[in-house]
Amino acid sequence: MRSIRSFLNIDTPSLAKIWFLHHQAYRSKSDCTVVAWDHAVLAKPFFRNDEFLIAEDSQEGIVGFAHFGRNPEAVGVGKDAGILHRICVRPGEDEDAIAHELIAACLERMRGDCLPRCVGIGAYHDSIFYIGVAEGDGFLGVQSNDVRLLRWMQTAGFRPAQATECWELVLAQFKPPMDRIQIGIHRNSIVSRILGEAQSTWWHSVVFGHCDQAIYQLTTRSVPVTELRVEIWTPEVFVPGTESRIARWIIPEFASDQTLIEQWICLLSECLRLLQSERKQLAHVVIDPNIASHVQILQRLGFKTKYHGMVLARDL
């Protein structure tokens, strides 16, 4: 016999096990240890027990979980959109039934809160949980290799809303692109680092609270004006289960302008050189592959595609 209930503090070791089994089913190396659960999910001040549902079998114990809610500061998906942050189910003959019960329970709770729409998995750059733990920091949506999760979401009425890609760069292989245009930008620009906390809002600070954050900015020499700014984060080394060797950032959307593209290449090149000196091993960036300027920047810097995904959505 199976039942659906809310999260209890004693569930964390079982959640770590379910996470491992779910991701192992499609040969993913993603692991969310008990300590990582505490720092990346449960310790967040906006985490709510009643938005984390557990599927429990009377004989097996916990067999799956689903985490839902919303981001009150969301920009892309909207503040009133429901978000299915994560769903994991241990492999087995009844996995489809377990997933169906969990998703149905989440959608019913969201309807009760009068939310008009639900997106998942995560909400692209509006994601607020599993930063540094999930593949692509939870920005990927449904990873293309996770065919079980894709099947469950489609069965529940979710349809593609936004394509995603995670691009990777091995920092030991990085060589700054240098041509006449880049030489000119380097001569007329200064790239500097400021403390991550200096410009962060309270909300941003708690979402990335378990990460080491740093802001880099590009300032022109001729007119001392800050042209571009990027924040780079890496999970703290004391949180096992997170990838502290991987640096991550978000490239904001901007008007397609070749000068801006070249400036972004200059800024990120200097960031990558500094990351090399800090002995970071990899850099990951999740983008929308339909934004040509983002693809052009990453290709010029030597990034390669690592994962493909899709954020799905449905009306409630």
Protein backbone atom coordinates (compact mmCIF):
# COMPACT_ATOMS: atom_id res chain seq x y z
CA MET A 1 0.00 0.00 0.00
CA ARG A 2 1.32 3.45 -0.94
CA SER A 3 0.59 6.92 0.44
CA ILE A 4 1.62 10.53 -0.25
CA ARG A 5 2.69 12.73 2.65
CA SER A 6 4.73 15.87 3.35
CA PHE A 7 8.44 15.91 4.12
CA LEU A 8 9.78 15.14 7.60
CA ASN A 9 13.28 15.94 8.84
CA ILE A 10 14.09 12.25 9.28
CA ASP A 11 13.57 11.65 5.53
CA THR A 12 16.85 13.17 4.34
CA PRO A 13 18.96 9.95 4.17
CA SER A 14 16.20 8.29 2.14
CA LEU A 15 16.03 11.27 -0.23
CA ALA A 16 19.77 10.98 -0.90
CA LYS A 17 19.27 7.29 -1.74
CA ILE A 18 16.29 7.93 -4.05
CA TRP A 19 18.23 10.70 -5.83
CA PHE A 20 21.14 8.34 -6.43
CA LEU A 21 18.93 5.51 -7.73
CA HIS A 22 16.94 7.80 -10.02
CA HIS A 23 20.03 9.34 -11.62
CA GLN A 24 21.88 6.02 -11.80
CA ALA A 25 19.01 4.72 -13.96
CA TYR A 26 20.20 6.92 -16.85
CA ARG A 27 23.91 6.70 -15.95
CA SER A 28 24.13 10.17 -14.49
CA LYS A 29 26.91 10.87 -12.00
CA SER A 30 24.83 13.48 -10.17
CA ASP A 31 24.78 12.81 -6.43
CA CYS A 32 22.97 14.71 -3.69
CA THR A 33 24.42 13.72 -0.32
CA VAL A 34 22.72 14.34 3.00
CA VAL A 35 24.93 17.39 3.58
CA ALA A 36 24.18 18.71 0.08
CA TRP A 37 20.45 18.30 0.74
CA ASP A 38 20.77 20.41 3.87
CA HIS A 39 22.72 23.25 2.22
CA ALA A 40 21.22 23.36 -1.30
CA VAL A 41 17.58 22.67 -0.40
CA LEU A 42 16.39 22.16 3.17
CA ALA A 43 18.26 25.05 4.84
CA LYS A 44 16.88 27.66 2.45
CA PRO A 45 14.57 30.06 4.33
CA PHE A 46 11.97 29.75 1.57
CA PHE A 47 11.82 25.93 1.77
CA ARG A 48 8.42 24.66 2.92
CA ASN A 49 7.78 21.13 4.16
CA ASP A 50 4.26 21.06 2.71
CA GLU A 51 5.67 21.72 -0.80
CA PHE A 52 7.84 18.61 -0.66
CA LEU A 53 5.82 15.41 -1.15
CA ILE A 54 7.00 11.91 -0.29
CA ALA A 55 5.69 8.68 -1.82
CA GLU A 56 5.92 6.01 0.88
CA ASP A 57 5.26 2.30 0.50
CA SER A 58 4.12 0.33 3.53
CA GLN A 59 6.75 -2.36 2.87
CA GLU A 60 9.59 -0.57 1.00
CA GLY A 61 9.49 2.76 2.75
CA ILE A 62 10.18 5.91 0.67
CA VAL A 63 10.07 5.18 -3.06
CA GLY A 64 9.96 8.67 -4.56
CA PHE A 65 9.55 12.39 -3.96
CA ALA A 66 8.36 15.52 -5.72
CA HIS A 67 9.27 19.10 -4.85
CA PHE A 68 7.14 22.00 -6.06
CA GLY A 69 6.49 25.67 -5.26
CA ARG A 70 7.19 29.00 -6.94
CA ASN A 71 9.80 31.75 -7.12
CA PRO A 72 8.36 35.07 -5.85
CA GLU A 73 11.21 36.91 -7.60
CA ALA A 74 10.95 35.08 -10.94
CA VAL A 75 11.50 37.19 -14.03
CA GLY A 76 11.30 34.75 -16.93
CA VAL A 77 8.43 32.43 -15.94
CA GLY A 78 6.54 34.97 -13.83
CA LYS A 79 6.02 35.30 -10.09
CA ASP A 80 2.65 33.51 -10.18
CA ALA A 81 3.87 30.40 -12.05
CA GLY A 82 4.08 27.11 -10.20
CA ILE A 83 7.41 25.30 -10.47
CA LEU A 84 7.98 21.56 -10.28
CA HIS A 85 11.51 21.81 -8.89
CA ARG A 86 12.37 18.12 -8.89
CA ILE A 87 10.87 14.65 -9.06
CA CYS A 88 12.79 11.43 -8.43
CA VAL A 89 11.48 7.86 -8.26
CA ARG A 90 13.43 4.68 -7.66
CA PRO A 91 13.42 2.39 -10.72
CA GLY A 92 10.86 -0.44 -10.67
CA GLU A 93 7.79 -1.88 -12.31
CA ASP A 94 5.52 0.60 -10.54
CA GLU A 95 7.67 3.70 -11.21
CA ASP A 96 5.16 5.21 -13.66
CA ALA A 97 2.31 4.89 -11.16
CA ILE A 98 4.40 6.45 -8.37
CA ALA A 99 5.43 9.37 -10.58
CA HIS A 100 1.83 9.89 -11.71
CA GLU A 101 0.61 10.05 -8.11
CA LEU A 102 3.33 12.50 -7.09
CA ILE A 103 2.85 14.85 -10.07
CA ALA A 104 -0.94 14.74 -9.70
CA ALA A 105 -0.66 15.65 -6.01
CA CYS A 106 1.68 18.58 -6.82
CA LEU A 107 -0.64 19.92 -9.54
CA GLU A 108 -3.64 19.64 -7.23
CA ARG A 109 -1.85 21.68 -4.54
CA MET A 110 -0.91 24.33 -7.11
CA ARG A 111 -4.50 24.58 -8.31
CA GLY A 112 -5.51 25.05 -4.70
CA ASP A 113 -3.14 28.02 -4.57
CA CYS A 114 -4.82 29.42 -7.73
CA LEU A 115 -1.63 29.27 -9.79
CA PRO A 116 -2.42 29.53 -13.52
CA ARG A 117 0.56 27.61 -14.92
CA CYS A 118 3.26 25.14 -13.98
CA VAL A 119 6.77 24.74 -15.41
CA GLY A 120 9.36 22.06 -14.78
CA ILE A 121 11.77 20.65 -14.11
CA GLY A 122 12.99 23.83 -12.45
CA ALA A 123 12.44 27.17 -14.17
CA TYR A 124 15.59 27.79 -16.26
CA HIS A 125 17.41 30.79 -14.74
CA ASP A 126 14.56 31.33 -12.26
CA SER A 127 15.41 28.03 -10.54
CA ILE A 128 16.05 28.44 -6.81
CA PHE A 129 16.90 24.94 -5.54
CA TYR A 130 19.58 22.31 -6.27
CA ILE A 131 22.17 24.92 -7.32
CA GLY A 132 25.51 23.14 -7.69
CA VAL A 133 23.92 19.71 -7.25
CA ALA A 134 21.67 18.92 -10.21
CA GLU A 135 23.08 18.72 -13.72
CA GLY A 136 23.19 22.23 -15.13
CA ASP A 137 22.38 23.62 -11.66
CA GLY A 138 18.71 22.75 -12.10
CA PHE A 139 18.50 25.17 -15.06
CA LEU A 140 18.32 22.42 -17.69
CA GLY A 141 14.73 21.32 -17.18
CA VAL A 142 14.40 17.66 -18.16
CA GLN A 143 17.79 16.29 -19.16
CA SER A 144 17.58 14.61 -22.58
CA ASN A 145 18.95 11.30 -21.26
CA ASP A 146 16.33 11.07 -18.51
CA VAL A 147 13.69 9.39 -20.66
CA ARG A 148 11.72 8.19 -17.62
CA LEU A 149 11.20 11.73 -16.34
CA LEU A 150 10.32 13.00 -19.82
CA ARG A 151 7.70 10.25 -20.14
CA TRP A 152 6.16 11.11 -16.77
CA MET A 153 5.97 14.81 -17.57
CA GLN A 154 4.44 14.28 -21.01
CA THR A 155 1.88 11.86 -19.58
CA ALA A 156 0.92 14.56 -17.07
CA GLY A 157 0.18 17.00 -19.90
CA PHE A 158 3.44 18.98 -19.97
CA ARG A 159 4.68 20.21 -23.33
CA PRO A 160 8.01 21.75 -24.47
CA ALA A 161 8.38 25.42 -23.51
CA GLN A 162 12.11 26.21 -23.78
CA ALA A 163 15.12 24.34 -25.09
CA THR A 164 18.29 24.41 -22.96
CA GLU A 165 21.92 23.40 -23.32
CA CYS A 166 24.74 23.12 -20.81
CA TRP A 167 28.12 24.04 -22.32
CA GLU A 168 31.40 22.96 -20.74
CA LEU A 169 34.99 24.17 -20.94
CA VAL A 170 38.01 22.31 -19.58
CA LEU A 171 39.99 25.19 -18.08
CA ALA A 172 43.36 23.50 -18.59
CA GLN A 173 42.71 23.67 -22.34
CA PHE A 174 41.55 27.28 -22.44
CA LYS A 175 43.41 29.75 -24.65
CA PRO A 176 42.04 33.31 -24.89
CA PRO A 177 40.82 34.15 -28.40
CA MET A 178 42.96 37.00 -29.66
CA ASP A 179 42.54 38.96 -32.87
CA ARG A 180 42.70 42.61 -33.86
CA ILE A 181 39.29 43.40 -32.34
CA GLN A 182 40.06 41.63 -29.06
CA ILE A 183 43.45 43.35 -28.78
CA GLY A 184 41.71 46.70 -29.17
CA ILE A 185 39.11 45.90 -26.49
CA HIS A 186 41.78 44.66 -24.06
CA ARG A 187 43.78 47.88 -24.53
CA ASN A 188 40.72 50.05 -23.87
CA SER A 189 39.22 48.00 -21.00
CA ILE A 190 39.90 46.94 -17.43
CA VAL A 191 38.48 43.72 -15.98
CA SER A 192 38.30 43.72 -12.18
CA ARG A 193 36.79 41.60 -9.45
CA ILE A 194 34.56 42.87 -6.65
CA LEU A 195 33.11 41.02 -3.69
CA GLY A 196 30.03 38.97 -4.59
CA GLU A 197 28.09 40.25 -1.58
CA ALA A 198 28.65 43.87 -2.55
CA GLN A 199 25.96 43.90 -5.24
CA SER A 200 23.70 41.00 -4.23
CA THR A 201 20.13 41.35 -3.04
CA TRP A 202 18.93 39.42 0.00
CA TRP A 203 17.04 37.00 -2.22
CA HIS A 204 20.04 36.33 -4.44
CA SER A 205 22.24 35.83 -1.39
CA VAL A 206 20.02 33.12 0.11
CA VAL A 207 19.52 31.28 -3.20
CA PHE A 208 23.30 31.09 -3.68
CA GLY A 209 24.12 31.10 0.02
CA HIS A 210 26.00 27.79 -0.11
CA CYS A 211 28.20 29.02 -2.96
CA ASP A 212 31.34 31.14 -3.20
CA GLN A 213 30.33 34.16 -5.29
CA ALA A 214 32.41 36.73 -7.14
CA ILE A 215 31.44 39.54 -9.50
CA TYR A 216 33.67 40.54 -12.43
CA GLN A 217 33.14 43.74 -14.36
CA LEU A 218 34.49 45.26 -17.54
CA THR A 219 35.16 49.01 -17.44
CA THR A 220 36.33 51.15 -20.35
CA ARG A 221 39.52 53.15 -19.86
CA SER A 222 38.59 56.14 -22.03
CA VAL A 223 35.33 56.77 -20.18
CA PRO A 224 35.34 55.08 -16.74
CA VAL A 225 31.97 53.42 -17.09
CA THR A 226 31.13 49.82 -16.21
CA GLU A 227 29.97 48.23 -19.45
CA LEU A 228 29.39 44.62 -18.43
CA ARG A 229 29.12 42.61 -15.23
CA VAL A 230 28.97 38.88 -14.60
CA GLU A 231 28.64 36.89 -11.40
CA ILE A 232 30.47 33.57 -11.12
CA TRP A 233 29.71 31.03 -8.42
CA THR A 234 31.13 27.74 -7.23
CA PRO A 235 29.67 25.60 -4.41
CA GLU A 236 31.62 25.77 -1.18
CA VAL A 237 34.21 23.00 -0.79
CA PHE A 238 32.81 21.96 2.61
CA VAL A 239 29.57 20.70 1.01
CA PRO A 240 30.19 17.11 -0.20
CA GLY A 241 28.07 16.11 -3.17
CA THR A 242 28.45 19.51 -4.86
CA GLU A 243 30.94 20.25 -7.61
CA SER A 244 33.22 22.91 -6.12
CA ARG A 245 35.70 22.44 -8.97
CA ILE A 246 33.15 23.72 -11.52
CA ALA A 247 32.65 27.47 -12.01
CA ARG A 248 29.25 28.61 -13.30
CA TRP A 249 27.60 31.80 -14.47
CA ILE A 250 24.62 33.15 -16.41
CA ILE A 251 24.96 35.18 -19.60
CA PRO A 252 22.14 37.75 -19.58
CA GLU A 253 20.10 38.47 -22.67
CA PHE A 254 21.15 41.56 -24.58
CA ALA A 255 20.51 43.20 -27.93
CA SER A 256 22.37 41.36 -30.66
CA ASP A 257 25.30 43.70 -31.20
CA GLN A 258 28.73 42.58 -32.40
CA THR A 259 30.53 45.11 -30.19
CA LEU A 260 28.76 43.76 -27.10
CA ILE A 261 29.57 40.20 -28.14
CA GLU A 262 33.27 41.08 -28.42
CA GLN A 263 33.17 42.81 -25.02
CA TRP A 264 31.56 39.74 -23.44
CA ILE A 265 34.29 37.56 -24.96
CA CYS A 266 36.91 39.87 -23.47
CA LEU A 267 35.30 39.88 -20.01
CA LEU A 268 34.78 36.12 -19.88
CA SER A 269 38.28 35.44 -21.22
CA GLU A 270 39.78 37.32 -18.27
CA CYS A 271 37.42 35.53 -15.88
CA LEU A 272 38.53 32.17 -17.23
CA ARG A 273 42.20 33.12 -16.84
CA LEU A 274 41.56 34.03 -13.20
CA LEU A 275 39.72 30.75 -12.66
CA GLN A 276 42.73 28.92 -14.07
CA SER A 277 44.93 30.64 -11.48
CA GLU A 278 42.48 29.53 -8.76
CA ARG A 279 42.89 25.94 -10.01
CA LYS A 280 39.28 25.45 -10.99
CA GLN A 281 38.92 22.58 -13.44
CA LEU A 282 35.74 23.23 -15.44
CA ALA A 283 33.32 25.97 -16.39
CA HIS A 284 29.61 25.30 -17.07
CA VAL A 285 27.08 27.68 -18.61
CA VAL A 286 23.42 26.89 -19.34
CA ILE A 287 21.93 28.83 -22.25
CA ASP A 288 18.97 28.87 -24.60
CA PRO A 289 20.46 27.50 -27.86
CA ASN A 290 18.09 29.70 -29.85
CA ILE A 291 19.96 32.83 -28.70
CA ALA A 292 22.63 33.04 -31.39
CA SER A 293 24.79 35.61 -29.57
CA HIS A 294 25.20 33.31 -26.55
CA VAL A 295 26.16 30.39 -28.78
CA GLN A 296 28.69 32.58 -30.62
CA ILE A 297 30.32 33.74 -27.37
CA LEU A 298 30.73 30.22 -26.00
CA GLN A 299 32.04 28.83 -29.28
CA ARG A 300 34.67 31.58 -29.49
CA LEU A 301 35.79 30.75 -25.94
CA GLY A 302 36.16 27.04 -26.77
CA PHE A 303 33.12 25.65 -24.93
CA LYS A 304 31.49 22.40 -26.06
CA THR A 305 27.94 21.18 -25.46
CA LYS A 306 27.72 18.84 -22.46
CA TYR A 307 23.99 18.30 -21.82
CA HIS A 308 20.76 19.02 -23.66
CA GLY A 309 17.48 19.62 -21.92
CA MET A 310 13.99 21.07 -22.14
CA VAL A 311 11.86 23.09 -19.75
CA LEU A 312 8.25 21.89 -20.01
CA ALA A 313 5.04 23.68 -19.09
CA ARG A 314 1.29 23.20 -18.83
CA ASP A 315 -1.74 25.24 -17.84
CA LEU A 316 -3.44 24.39 -14.58
